PDB file of all heavy atoms in Angstrom:
ATOM      1  N   MET A   1       0.810  -1.200   0.000  1.00  0.00           N
ATOM      2  CA  MET A   1       0.000   0.000   0.000  1.00  0.00           C
ATOM      3  C   MET A   1       0.859   1.272   0.000  1.00  0.00           C
ATOM      4  O   MET A   1       0.476   2.282  -0.589  1.00  0.00           O
ATOM      5  CB  MET A   1      -0.933  -0.044   1.217  1.00  0.00           C
ATOM      6  CG  MET A   1      -2.043   0.904   1.147  1.00  0.00           C
ATOM      7  SD  MET A   1      -3.098   0.502  -0.256  1.00  0.00           S
ATOM      8  CE  MET A   1      -4.309   1.721  -0.099  1.00  0.00           C
ATOM      9  N   LEU A   2       2.029   1.201   0.655  1.00  0.00           N
ATOM     10  CA  LEU A   2       2.933   2.344   0.678  1.00  0.00           C
ATOM     11  C   LEU A   2       3.405   2.683  -0.732  1.00  0.00           C
ATOM     12  O   LEU A   2       3.414   3.856  -1.126  1.00  0.00           O
ATOM     13  CB  LEU A   2       4.135   2.070   1.589  1.00  0.00           C
ATOM     14  CG  LEU A   2       5.205   3.165   1.614  1.00  0.00           C
ATOM     15  CD1 LEU A   2       4.645   4.456   2.203  1.00  0.00           C
ATOM     16  CD2 LEU A   2       6.429   2.703   2.393  1.00  0.00           C
ATOM     17  N   ARG A   3       3.791   1.668  -1.502  1.00  0.00           N
ATOM     18  CA  ARG A   3       4.251   1.899  -2.882  1.00  0.00           C
ATOM     19  C   ARG A   3       3.181   2.598  -3.693  1.00  0.00           C
ATOM     20  O   ARG A   3       3.464   3.549  -4.428  1.00  0.00           O
ATOM     21  CB  ARG A   3       4.619   0.573  -3.547  1.00  0.00           C
ATOM     22  CG  ARG A   3       5.909  -0.021  -3.063  1.00  0.00           C
ATOM     23  CD  ARG A   3       6.215  -1.355  -3.712  1.00  0.00           C
ATOM     24  NE  ARG A   3       6.169  -1.225  -5.165  1.00  0.00           N
ATOM     25  CZ  ARG A   3       5.883  -2.227  -5.988  1.00  0.00           C
ATOM     26  NH1 ARG A   3       5.606  -3.416  -5.511  1.00  0.00           N
ATOM     27  NH2 ARG A   3       5.880  -2.036  -7.282  1.00  0.00           N
ATOM     28  N   LEU A   4       1.956   2.139  -3.569  1.00  0.00           N
ATOM     29  CA  LEU A   4       0.848   2.731  -4.311  1.00  0.00           C
ATOM     30  C   LEU A   4       0.609   4.179  -3.873  1.00  0.00           C
ATOM     31  O   LEU A   4       0.440   5.063  -4.704  1.00  0.00           O
ATOM     32  CB  LEU A   4      -0.421   1.895  -4.121  1.00  0.00           C
ATOM     33  CG  LEU A   4      -1.681   2.424  -4.807  1.00  0.00           C
ATOM     34  CD1 LEU A   4      -1.499   2.460  -6.319  1.00  0.00           C
ATOM     35  CD2 LEU A   4      -2.880   1.577  -4.432  1.00  0.00           C
ATOM     36  N   SER A   5       0.626   4.412  -2.578  1.00  0.00           N
ATOM     37  CA  SER A   5       0.390   5.770  -2.058  1.00  0.00           C
ATOM     38  C   SER A   5       1.465   6.742  -2.506  1.00  0.00           C
ATOM     39  O   SER A   5       1.176   7.869  -2.916  1.00  0.00           O
ATOM     40  CB  SER A   5       0.324   5.753  -0.531  1.00  0.00           C
ATOM     41  OG  SER A   5      -0.754   4.956  -0.096  1.00  0.00           O
ATOM     42  N   LEU A   6       2.726   6.318  -2.435  1.00  0.00           N
ATOM     43  CA  LEU A   6       3.814   7.190  -2.854  1.00  0.00           C
ATOM     44  C   LEU A   6       3.755   7.476  -4.353  1.00  0.00           C
ATOM     45  O   LEU A   6       3.946   8.619  -4.783  1.00  0.00           O
ATOM     46  CB  LEU A   6       5.170   6.577  -2.488  1.00  0.00           C
ATOM     47  CG  LEU A   6       5.524   6.574  -1.014  1.00  0.00           C
ATOM     48  CD1 LEU A   6       6.806   5.773  -0.775  1.00  0.00           C
ATOM     49  CD2 LEU A   6       5.666   7.986  -0.473  1.00  0.00           C
ATOM     50  N   ALA A   7       3.479   6.458  -5.147  1.00  0.00           N
ATOM     51  CA  ALA A   7       3.376   6.655  -6.598  1.00  0.00           C
ATOM     52  C   ALA A   7       2.204   7.580  -6.924  1.00  0.00           C
ATOM     53  O   ALA A   7       2.317   8.476  -7.770  1.00  0.00           O
ATOM     54  CB  ALA A   7       3.211   5.310  -7.302  1.00  0.00           C
ATOM     55  N   TRP A   8       1.087   7.391  -6.246  1.00  0.00           N
ATOM     56  CA  TRP A   8      -0.102   8.218  -6.474  1.00  0.00           C
ATOM     57  C   TRP A   8       0.196   9.679  -6.132  1.00  0.00           C
ATOM     58  O   TRP A   8      -0.099  10.578  -6.919  1.00  0.00           O
ATOM     59  CB  TRP A   8      -1.268   7.682  -5.638  1.00  0.00           C
ATOM     60  CG  TRP A   8      -2.483   8.537  -5.707  1.00  0.00           C
ATOM     61  CD1 TRP A   8      -3.394   8.594  -6.723  1.00  0.00           C
ATOM     62  CD2 TRP A   8      -2.923   9.484  -4.720  1.00  0.00           C
ATOM     63  NE1 TRP A   8      -4.372   9.520  -6.428  1.00  0.00           N
ATOM     64  CE2 TRP A   8      -4.102  10.082  -5.209  1.00  0.00           C
ATOM     65  CE3 TRP A   8      -2.440   9.877  -3.482  1.00  0.00           C
ATOM     66  CZ2 TRP A   8      -4.795  11.042  -4.491  1.00  0.00           C
ATOM     67  CZ3 TRP A   8      -3.133  10.838  -2.778  1.00  0.00           C
ATOM     68  CH2 TRP A   8      -4.300  11.404  -3.289  1.00  0.00           C
ATOM     69  N   LEU A   9       0.789   9.916  -4.965  1.00  0.00           N
ATOM     70  CA  LEU A   9       1.119  11.288  -4.560  1.00  0.00           C
ATOM     71  C   LEU A   9       2.126  11.920  -5.518  1.00  0.00           C
ATOM     72  O   LEU A   9       2.027  13.092  -5.861  1.00  0.00           O
ATOM     73  CB  LEU A   9       1.673  11.309  -3.142  1.00  0.00           C
ATOM     74  CG  LEU A   9       0.660  11.233  -2.015  1.00  0.00           C
ATOM     75  CD1 LEU A   9       1.380  11.050  -0.675  1.00  0.00           C
ATOM     76  CD2 LEU A   9      -0.202  12.482  -1.986  1.00  0.00           C
ATOM     77  N   HIS A  10       3.103  11.138  -5.939  1.00  0.00           N
ATOM     78  CA  HIS A  10       4.135  11.628  -6.856  1.00  0.00           C
ATOM     79  C   HIS A  10       3.504  12.077  -8.180  1.00  0.00           C
ATOM     80  O   HIS A  10       3.789  13.174  -8.669  1.00  0.00           O
ATOM     81  CB  HIS A  10       5.157  10.504  -7.087  1.00  0.00           C
ATOM     82  CG  HIS A  10       6.436  10.937  -7.700  1.00  0.00           C
ATOM     83  ND1 HIS A  10       7.351  11.731  -7.051  1.00  0.00           N
ATOM     84  CD2 HIS A  10       6.984  10.676  -8.908  1.00  0.00           C
ATOM     85  CE1 HIS A  10       8.394  11.937  -7.827  1.00  0.00           C
ATOM     86  NE2 HIS A  10       8.199  11.313  -8.976  1.00  0.00           N
ATOM     87  N   LEU A  11       2.637  11.253  -8.723  1.00  0.00           N
ATOM     88  CA  LEU A  11       1.987  11.591  -9.999  1.00  0.00           C
ATOM     89  C   LEU A  11       0.958  12.700  -9.840  1.00  0.00           C
ATOM     90  O   LEU A  11       0.811  13.550 -10.723  1.00  0.00           O
ATOM     91  CB  LEU A  11       1.357  10.346 -10.617  1.00  0.00           C
ATOM     92  CG  LEU A  11       2.362   9.307 -11.109  1.00  0.00           C
ATOM     93  CD1 LEU A  11       1.642   8.031 -11.536  1.00  0.00           C
ATOM     94  CD2 LEU A  11       3.224   9.850 -12.229  1.00  0.00           C
ATOM     95  N   LEU A  12       0.242  12.717  -8.735  1.00  0.00           N
ATOM     96  CA  LEU A  12      -0.716  13.794  -8.482  1.00  0.00           C
ATOM     97  C   LEU A  12       0.008  15.134  -8.384  1.00  0.00           C
ATOM     98  O   LEU A  12      -0.440  16.133  -8.958  1.00  0.00           O
ATOM     99  CB  LEU A  12      -1.496  13.506  -7.196  1.00  0.00           C
ATOM    100  CG  LEU A  12      -2.584  14.511  -6.832  1.00  0.00           C
ATOM    101  CD1 LEU A  12      -3.686  14.524  -7.893  1.00  0.00           C
ATOM    102  CD2 LEU A  12      -3.170  14.172  -5.469  1.00  0.00           C
ATOM    103  N   ALA A  13       1.137  15.150  -7.692  1.00  0.00           N
ATOM    104  CA  ALA A  13       1.925  16.383  -7.579  1.00  0.00           C
ATOM    105  C   ALA A  13       2.410  16.846  -8.953  1.00  0.00           C
ATOM    106  O   ALA A  13       2.454  18.048  -9.220  1.00  0.00           O
ATOM    107  CB  ALA A  13       3.108  16.163  -6.640  1.00  0.00           C
ATOM    108  N   LEU A  14       2.728  15.917  -9.813  1.00  0.00           N
ATOM    109  CA  LEU A  14       3.146  16.266 -11.168  1.00  0.00           C
ATOM    110  C   LEU A  14       2.030  17.007 -11.895  1.00  0.00           C
ATOM    111  O   LEU A  14       2.248  18.076 -12.472  1.00  0.00           O
ATOM    112  CB  LEU A  14       3.521  15.004 -11.947  1.00  0.00           C
ATOM    113  CG  LEU A  14       3.718  15.179 -13.448  1.00  0.00           C
ATOM    114  CD1 LEU A  14       4.973  15.971 -13.728  1.00  0.00           C
ATOM    115  CD2 LEU A  14       3.763  13.839 -14.130  1.00  0.00           C
ATOM    116  N   GLY A  15       0.826  16.463 -11.848  1.00  0.00           N
ATOM    117  CA  GLY A  15      -0.311  17.107 -12.512  1.00  0.00           C
ATOM    118  C   GLY A  15      -0.637  18.469 -11.932  1.00  0.00           C
ATOM    119  O   GLY A  15      -0.850  19.438 -12.669  1.00  0.00           O
ATOM    120  N   VAL A  16      -0.659  18.549 -10.619  1.00  0.00           N
ATOM    121  CA  VAL A  16      -0.952  19.823  -9.949  1.00  0.00           C
ATOM    122  C   VAL A  16       0.141  20.838 -10.279  1.00  0.00           C
ATOM    123  O   VAL A  16      -0.141  21.993 -10.600  1.00  0.00           O
ATOM    124  CB  VAL A  16      -1.085  19.632  -8.421  1.00  0.00           C
ATOM    125  CG1 VAL A  16      -1.104  20.970  -7.689  1.00  0.00           C
ATOM    126  CG2 VAL A  16      -2.336  18.825  -8.093  1.00  0.00           C
ATOM    127  N   GLY A  17       1.387  20.400 -10.240  1.00  0.00           N
ATOM    128  CA  GLY A  17       2.508  21.300 -10.481  1.00  0.00           C
ATOM    129  C   GLY A  17       2.532  21.872 -11.880  1.00  0.00           C
ATOM    130  O   GLY A  17       2.707  23.079 -12.062  1.00  0.00           O
ATOM    131  N   ILE A  18       2.336  21.035 -12.874  1.00  0.00           N
ATOM    132  CA  ILE A  18       2.388  21.539 -14.249  1.00  0.00           C
ATOM    133  C   ILE A  18       1.201  22.456 -14.532  1.00  0.00           C
ATOM    134  O   ILE A  18       1.342  23.480 -15.203  1.00  0.00           O
ATOM    135  CB  ILE A  18       2.528  20.404 -15.293  1.00  0.00           C
ATOM    136  CG1 ILE A  18       3.095  20.976 -16.593  1.00  0.00           C
ATOM    137  CG2 ILE A  18       1.232  19.673 -15.513  1.00  0.00           C
ATOM    138  CD1 ILE A  18       3.670  19.942 -17.527  1.00  0.00           C
ATOM    139  N   ALA A  19       0.042  22.138 -13.974  1.00  0.00           N
ATOM    140  CA  ALA A  19      -1.118  23.027 -14.143  1.00  0.00           C
ATOM    141  C   ALA A  19      -0.867  24.363 -13.441  1.00  0.00           C
ATOM    142  O   ALA A  19      -1.212  25.429 -13.964  1.00  0.00           O
ATOM    143  CB  ALA A  19      -2.382  22.364 -13.595  1.00  0.00           C
ATOM    144  N   ALA A  20      -0.246  24.315 -12.278  1.00  0.00           N
ATOM    145  CA  ALA A  20       0.006  25.534 -11.509  1.00  0.00           C
ATOM    146  C   ALA A  20       1.031  26.434 -12.193  1.00  0.00           C
ATOM    147  O   ALA A  20       0.828  27.645 -12.294  1.00  0.00           O
ATOM    148  CB  ALA A  20       0.475  25.175 -10.098  1.00  0.00           C
ATOM    149  N   VAL A  21       2.108  25.861 -12.684  1.00  0.00           N
ATOM    150  CA  VAL A  21       3.136  26.697 -13.309  1.00  0.00           C
ATOM    151  C   VAL A  21       2.624  27.265 -14.638  1.00  0.00           C
ATOM    152  O   VAL A  21       2.948  28.395 -15.009  1.00  0.00           O
ATOM    153  CB  VAL A  21       4.489  25.961 -13.443  1.00  0.00           C
ATOM    154  CG1 VAL A  21       4.500  24.965 -14.569  1.00  0.00           C
ATOM    155  CG2 VAL A  21       5.630  26.948 -13.583  1.00  0.00           C
ATOM    156  N   TRP A  22       1.784  26.493 -15.336  1.00  0.00           N
ATOM    157  CA  TRP A  22       1.161  27.013 -16.566  1.00  0.00           C
ATOM    158  C   TRP A  22       0.210  28.164 -16.223  1.00  0.00           C
ATOM    159  O   TRP A  22       0.177  29.186 -16.903  1.00  0.00           O
ATOM    160  CB  TRP A  22       0.421  25.898 -17.297  1.00  0.00           C
ATOM    161  CG  TRP A  22      -0.077  26.335 -18.646  1.00  0.00           C
ATOM    162  CD1 TRP A  22      -1.267  26.945 -18.938  1.00  0.00           C
ATOM    163  CD2 TRP A  22       0.614  26.236 -19.886  1.00  0.00           C
ATOM    164  NE1 TRP A  22      -1.351  27.212 -20.280  1.00  0.00           N
ATOM    165  CE2 TRP A  22      -0.219  26.784 -20.884  1.00  0.00           C
ATOM    166  CE3 TRP A  22       1.861  25.722 -20.253  1.00  0.00           C
ATOM    167  CZ2 TRP A  22       0.157  26.833 -22.225  1.00  0.00           C
ATOM    168  CZ3 TRP A  22       2.229  25.768 -21.583  1.00  0.00           C
ATOM    169  CH2 TRP A  22       1.381  26.325 -22.546  1.00  0.00           C
ATOM    170  N   SER A  23      -0.559  27.999 -15.157  1.00  0.00           N
ATOM    171  CA  SER A  23      -1.487  29.037 -14.713  1.00  0.00           C
ATOM    172  C   SER A  23      -0.732  30.295 -14.280  1.00  0.00           C
ATOM    173  O   SER A  23      -1.168  31.415 -14.554  1.00  0.00           O
ATOM    174  CB  SER A  23      -2.351  28.501 -13.574  1.00  0.00           C
ATOM    175  OG  SER A  23      -3.215  29.485 -13.099  1.00  0.00           O
ATOM    176  N   ARG A  24       0.389  30.105 -13.605  1.00  0.00           N
ATOM    177  CA  ARG A  24       1.207  31.250 -13.208  1.00  0.00           C
ATOM    178  C   ARG A  24       1.670  32.013 -14.446  1.00  0.00           C
ATOM    179  O   ARG A  24       1.602  33.241 -14.504  1.00  0.00           O
ATOM    180  CB  ARG A  24       2.408  30.777 -12.383  1.00  0.00           C
ATOM    181  CG  ARG A  24       3.324  31.907 -11.949  1.00  0.00           C
ATOM    182  CD  ARG A  24       4.473  31.428 -11.107  1.00  0.00           C
ATOM    183  NE  ARG A  24       5.532  30.835 -11.914  1.00  0.00           N
ATOM    184  CZ  ARG A  24       6.676  30.377 -11.414  1.00  0.00           C
ATOM    185  NH1 ARG A  24       6.906  30.406 -10.113  1.00  0.00           N
ATOM    186  NH2 ARG A  24       7.594  29.866 -12.193  1.00  0.00           N
ATOM    187  N   ALA A  25       2.112  31.281 -15.453  1.00  0.00           N
ATOM    188  CA  ALA A  25       2.566  31.911 -16.696  1.00  0.00           C
ATOM    189  C   ALA A  25       1.434  32.658 -17.378  1.00  0.00           C
ATOM    190  O   ALA A  25       1.595  33.803 -17.796  1.00  0.00           O
ATOM    191  CB  ALA A  25       3.137  30.843 -17.631  1.00  0.00           C
ATOM    192  N   ALA A  26       0.278  32.012 -17.461  1.00  0.00           N
ATOM    193  CA  ALA A  26      -0.869  32.646 -18.120  1.00  0.00           C
ATOM    194  C   ALA A  26      -1.310  33.905 -17.379  1.00  0.00           C
ATOM    195  O   ALA A  26      -1.680  34.901 -18.003  1.00  0.00           O
ATOM    196  CB  ALA A  26      -2.027  31.651 -18.227  1.00  0.00           C
ATOM    197  N   SER A  27      -1.249  33.871 -16.061  1.00  0.00           N
ATOM    198  CA  SER A  27      -1.645  35.040 -15.258  1.00  0.00           C
ATOM    199  C   SER A  27      -0.724  36.225 -15.483  1.00  0.00           C
ATOM    200  O   SER A  27      -1.159  37.372 -15.403  1.00  0.00           O
ATOM    201  CB  SER A  27      -1.639  34.686 -13.765  1.00  0.00           C
ATOM    202  OG  SER A  27      -2.587  33.698 -13.479  1.00  0.00           O
ATOM    203  N   LEU A  28       0.538  35.954 -15.746  1.00  0.00           N
ATOM    204  CA  LEU A  28       1.518  37.031 -15.885  1.00  0.00           C
ATOM    205  C   LEU A  28       1.794  37.409 -17.334  1.00  0.00           C
ATOM    206  O   LEU A  28       2.595  38.298 -17.597  1.00  0.00           O
ATOM    207  CB  LEU A  28       2.821  36.646 -15.174  1.00  0.00           C
ATOM    208  CG  LEU A  28       2.702  36.484 -13.658  1.00  0.00           C
ATOM    209  CD1 LEU A  28       4.003  35.965 -13.065  1.00  0.00           C
ATOM    210  CD2 LEU A  28       2.287  37.792 -13.003  1.00  0.00           C
ATOM    211  N   SER A  29       1.159  36.723 -18.278  1.00  0.00           N
ATOM    212  CA  SER A  29       1.313  37.078 -19.687  1.00  0.00           C
ATOM    213  C   SER A  29       0.478  38.320 -19.969  1.00  0.00           C
ATOM    214  O   SER A  29      -0.603  38.492 -19.424  1.00  0.00           O
ATOM    215  CB  SER A  29       0.849  35.935 -20.581  1.00  0.00           C
ATOM    216  OG  SER A  29       1.688  34.823 -20.413  1.00  0.00           O
ATOM    217  N   GLY A  30       0.979  39.176 -20.807  1.00  0.00           N
ATOM    218  CA  GLY A  30       0.244  40.407 -21.092  1.00  0.00           C
ATOM    219  C   GLY A  30       0.516  41.453 -20.028  1.00  0.00           C
ATOM    220  O   GLY A  30       1.488  41.388 -19.286  1.00  0.00           O
ATOM    221  N   LYS A  31      -0.366  42.436 -19.956  1.00  0.00           N
ATOM    222  CA  LYS A  31      -0.205  43.531 -18.993  1.00  0.00           C
ATOM    223  C   LYS A  31      -0.841  43.114 -17.664  1.00  0.00           C
ATOM    224  O   LYS A  31      -2.063  42.973 -17.565  1.00  0.00           O
ATOM    225  CB  LYS A  31      -0.880  44.799 -19.526  1.00  0.00           C
ATOM    226  CG  LYS A  31      -0.607  46.014 -18.703  1.00  0.00           C
ATOM    227  CD  LYS A  31      -1.183  47.254 -19.352  1.00  0.00           C
ATOM    228  CE  LYS A  31      -0.916  48.459 -18.474  1.00  0.00           C
ATOM    229  NZ  LYS A  31      -1.521  49.659 -19.026  1.00  0.00           N
ATOM    230  N   PRO A  32      -0.014  42.912 -16.621  1.00  0.00           N
ATOM    231  CA  PRO A  32      -0.564  42.431 -15.351  1.00  0.00           C
ATOM    232  C   PRO A  32      -1.328  43.510 -14.583  1.00  0.00           C
ATOM    233  O   PRO A  32      -0.976  44.674 -14.619  1.00  0.00           O
ATOM    234  CB  PRO A  32       0.672  41.987 -14.571  1.00  0.00           C
ATOM    235  CG  PRO A  32       1.775  42.815 -15.120  1.00  0.00           C
ATOM    236  CD  PRO A  32       1.431  43.082 -16.562  1.00  0.00           C
ATOM    237  N   ASP A  33      -2.398  43.074 -13.918  1.00  0.00           N
ATOM    238  CA  ASP A  33      -3.103  43.937 -12.972  1.00  0.00           C
ATOM    239  C   ASP A  33      -3.072  43.229 -11.621  1.00  0.00           C
ATOM    240  O   ASP A  33      -2.517  42.140 -11.495  1.00  0.00           O
ATOM    241  CB  ASP A  33      -4.524  44.247 -13.442  1.00  0.00           C
ATOM    242  CG  ASP A  33      -5.376  43.005 -13.623  1.00  0.00           C
ATOM    243  OD1 ASP A  33      -5.011  41.924 -13.118  1.00  0.00           O
ATOM    244  OD2 ASP A  33      -6.430  43.110 -14.268  1.00  0.00           O
ATOM    245  N   VAL A  34      -3.654  43.833 -10.608  1.00  0.00           N
ATOM    246  CA  VAL A  34      -3.609  43.259  -9.263  1.00  0.00           C
ATOM    247  C   VAL A  34      -4.293  41.895  -9.219  1.00  0.00           C
ATOM    248  O   VAL A  34      -3.803  40.968  -8.567  1.00  0.00           O
ATOM    249  CB  VAL A  34      -4.220  44.240  -8.222  1.00  0.00           C
ATOM    250  CG1 VAL A  34      -4.360  43.586  -6.869  1.00  0.00           C
ATOM    251  CG2 VAL A  34      -3.350  45.490  -8.117  1.00  0.00           C
ATOM    252  N   ASN A  35      -5.414  41.734  -9.931  1.00  0.00           N
ATOM    253  CA  ASN A  35      -6.095  40.435  -9.941  1.00  0.00           C
ATOM    254  C   ASN A  35      -5.235  39.363 -10.596  1.00  0.00           C
ATOM    255  O   ASN A  35      -5.177  38.225 -10.117  1.00  0.00           O
ATOM    256  CB  ASN A  35      -7.445  40.547 -10.638  1.00  0.00           C
ATOM    257  CG  ASN A  35      -8.443  41.339  -9.825  1.00  0.00           C
ATOM    258  OD1 ASN A  35      -8.386  41.335  -8.601  1.00  0.00           O
ATOM    259  ND2 ASN A  35      -9.346  42.027 -10.502  1.00  0.00           N
ATOM    260  N   ALA A  36      -4.562  39.714 -11.677  1.00  0.00           N
ATOM    261  CA  ALA A  36      -3.668  38.759 -12.346  1.00  0.00           C
ATOM    262  C   ALA A  36      -2.517  38.378 -11.416  1.00  0.00           C
ATOM    263  O   ALA A  36      -2.112  37.208 -11.350  1.00  0.00           O
ATOM    264  CB  ALA A  36      -3.131  39.353 -13.642  1.00  0.00           C
ATOM    265  N   LEU A  37      -2.027  39.361 -10.694  1.00  0.00           N
ATOM    266  CA  LEU A  37      -0.952  39.116  -9.747  1.00  0.00           C
ATOM    267  C   LEU A  37      -1.411  38.170  -8.639  1.00  0.00           C
ATOM    268  O   LEU A  37      -0.689  37.235  -8.277  1.00  0.00           O
ATOM    269  CB  LEU A  37      -0.498  40.455  -9.154  1.00  0.00           C
ATOM    270  CG  LEU A  37       0.936  40.591  -8.705  1.00  0.00           C
ATOM    271  CD1 LEU A  37       1.918  40.117  -9.742  1.00  0.00           C
ATOM    272  CD2 LEU A  37       1.211  42.030  -8.311  1.00  0.00           C
ATOM    273  N   ARG A  38      -2.615  38.386  -8.138  1.00  0.00           N
ATOM    274  CA  ARG A  38      -3.149  37.486  -7.089  1.00  0.00           C
ATOM    275  C   ARG A  38      -3.327  36.062  -7.626  1.00  0.00           C
ATOM    276  O   ARG A  38      -3.052  35.090  -6.919  1.00  0.00           O
ATOM    277  CB  ARG A  38      -4.455  38.050  -6.546  1.00  0.00           C
ATOM    278  CG  ARG A  38      -4.217  39.249  -5.648  1.00  0.00           C
ATOM    279  CD  ARG A  38      -5.451  39.623  -4.834  1.00  0.00           C
ATOM    280  NE  ARG A  38      -5.101  40.680  -3.908  1.00  0.00           N
ATOM    281  CZ  ARG A  38      -5.561  41.923  -3.991  1.00  0.00           C
ATOM    282  NH1 ARG A  38      -6.406  42.258  -4.940  1.00  0.00           N
ATOM    283  NH2 ARG A  38      -5.184  42.825  -3.108  1.00  0.00           N
TER     284      ARG A  38
END
């Protein structure tokens, strides 16, 4: 069960991370405002 849990968390973090860094990029593309910054 430990192997499964670690693999699941590892892959879940990958998905969350790539979506987050893409979202950060999209938020800062163009002319930023306070909402984009948040």
